[in-house]
Amino acid sequence: MKIYSVVRIIFAFFLMVLAFPYILQIETTLQAIFWTVWALFFFSIIGGNLAILLHVTPVPVMEQQMSENMEQRPYKRARQR
């Protein structure tokens, strides 16, 4: 479902808005490394979800909806020989 990807993108941008004032106050090398890794993680989250929205990658299995035919079919046992 595309709604999950949209929600994750919105949440990532919300976290970026909260973090932006602290990113502007970088003073030490350790802080620069932390915010660089944080920004890379942010862009990977945005990129992955945009890929799902643009149909570049398939939707994760947990987010796929089952068709009505699949839900109505009874499970059959495999024949054992």
Protein backbone atom coordinates (compact mmCIF):
# COMPACT_ATOMS: atom_id res chain seq x y z
CA MET A 1 0.00 0.00 0.00
CA LYS A 2 1.31 3.35 -1.00
CA ILE A 3 -0.02 5.12 2.08
CA TYR A 4 2.69 3.53 4.26
CA SER A 5 5.42 4.92 2.01
CA VAL A 6 3.88 8.38 2.11
CA VAL A 7 3.59 8.26 5.91
CA ARG A 8 7.26 7.22 6.23
CA ILE A 9 8.35 10.08 3.95
CA ILE A 10 6.31 12.61 5.94
CA PHE A 11 7.72 11.27 9.21
CA ALA A 12 11.30 11.46 7.88
CA PHE A 13 10.78 15.09 6.83
CA PHE A 14 9.29 15.85 10.25
CA LEU A 15 12.43 14.46 11.92
CA MET A 16 14.60 16.51 9.53
CA VAL A 17 12.71 19.68 10.52
CA LEU A 18 13.35 18.91 14.18
CA ALA A 19 17.04 18.18 13.57
CA PHE A 20 17.84 21.07 11.24
CA PRO A 21 18.60 23.70 13.94
CA TYR A 22 21.11 21.31 15.54
CA ILE A 23 22.74 20.54 12.20
CA LEU A 24 23.51 24.24 11.78
CA GLN A 25 25.37 24.29 15.13
CA ILE A 26 28.04 21.69 14.28
CA GLU A 27 31.29 22.47 16.13
CA THR A 28 33.29 19.25 16.50
CA THR A 29 34.35 16.50 14.15
CA LEU A 30 32.30 13.94 16.06
CA GLN A 31 29.18 16.04 15.58
CA ALA A 32 29.93 16.36 11.87
CA ILE A 33 30.32 12.59 11.53
CA PHE A 34 27.07 11.97 13.43
CA TRP A 35 25.03 14.39 11.33
CA THR A 36 26.59 13.10 8.11
CA VAL A 37 25.56 9.55 8.96
CA TRP A 38 22.14 10.82 10.03
CA ALA A 39 21.69 12.67 6.72
CA LEU A 40 22.75 9.59 4.72
CA PHE A 41 20.21 7.51 6.64
CA PHE A 42 17.55 10.17 5.97
CA PHE A 43 18.24 10.14 2.23
CA SER A 44 18.23 6.35 2.09
CA ILE A 45 14.81 6.29 3.78
CA ILE A 46 13.45 8.92 1.38
CA GLY A 47 14.99 7.19 -1.64
CA GLY A 48 13.66 3.77 -0.71
CA ASN A 49 10.15 5.03 -0.19
CA LEU A 50 10.20 7.09 -3.37
CA ALA A 51 11.32 3.96 -5.24
CA ILE A 52 8.26 2.14 -3.91
CA LEU A 53 5.96 5.03 -4.86
CA LEU A 54 7.44 5.26 -8.38
CA HIS A 55 7.27 1.45 -8.83
CA VAL A 56 11.04 1.10 -9.22
CA THR A 57 11.06 -1.69 -6.63
CA PRO A 58 8.26 -4.08 -5.68
CA VAL A 59 6.12 -3.39 -2.63
CA PRO A 60 7.33 -5.29 0.46
CA VAL A 61 5.51 -8.56 1.08
CA MET A 62 4.11 -7.40 4.42
CA GLU A 63 2.40 -4.43 2.74
CA GLN A 64 0.84 -6.32 -0.15
CA GLN A 65 -2.89 -6.85 -0.13
CA MET A 66 -4.26 -10.29 -0.85
CA SER A 67 -6.75 -10.56 -3.67
CA GLU A 68 -10.27 -11.69 -2.87
CA ASN A 69 -9.73 -14.95 -4.76
CA MET A 70 -6.78 -15.87 -2.56
CA GLU A 71 -8.74 -15.18 0.63
CA GLN A 72 -11.69 -17.34 -0.39
CA ARG A 73 -9.73 -20.39 -1.55
CA PRO A 74 -9.49 -23.17 1.01
CA TYR A 75 -6.04 -24.50 1.74
CA LYS A 76 -5.33 -27.84 0.12
CA ARG A 77 -2.96 -30.42 1.47
CA ALA A 78 -0.16 -31.53 -0.74
CA ARG A 79 -0.51 -35.12 -1.88
CA GLN A 80 1.94 -37.40 -0.18
CA ARG A 81 3.21 -40.48 -1.99
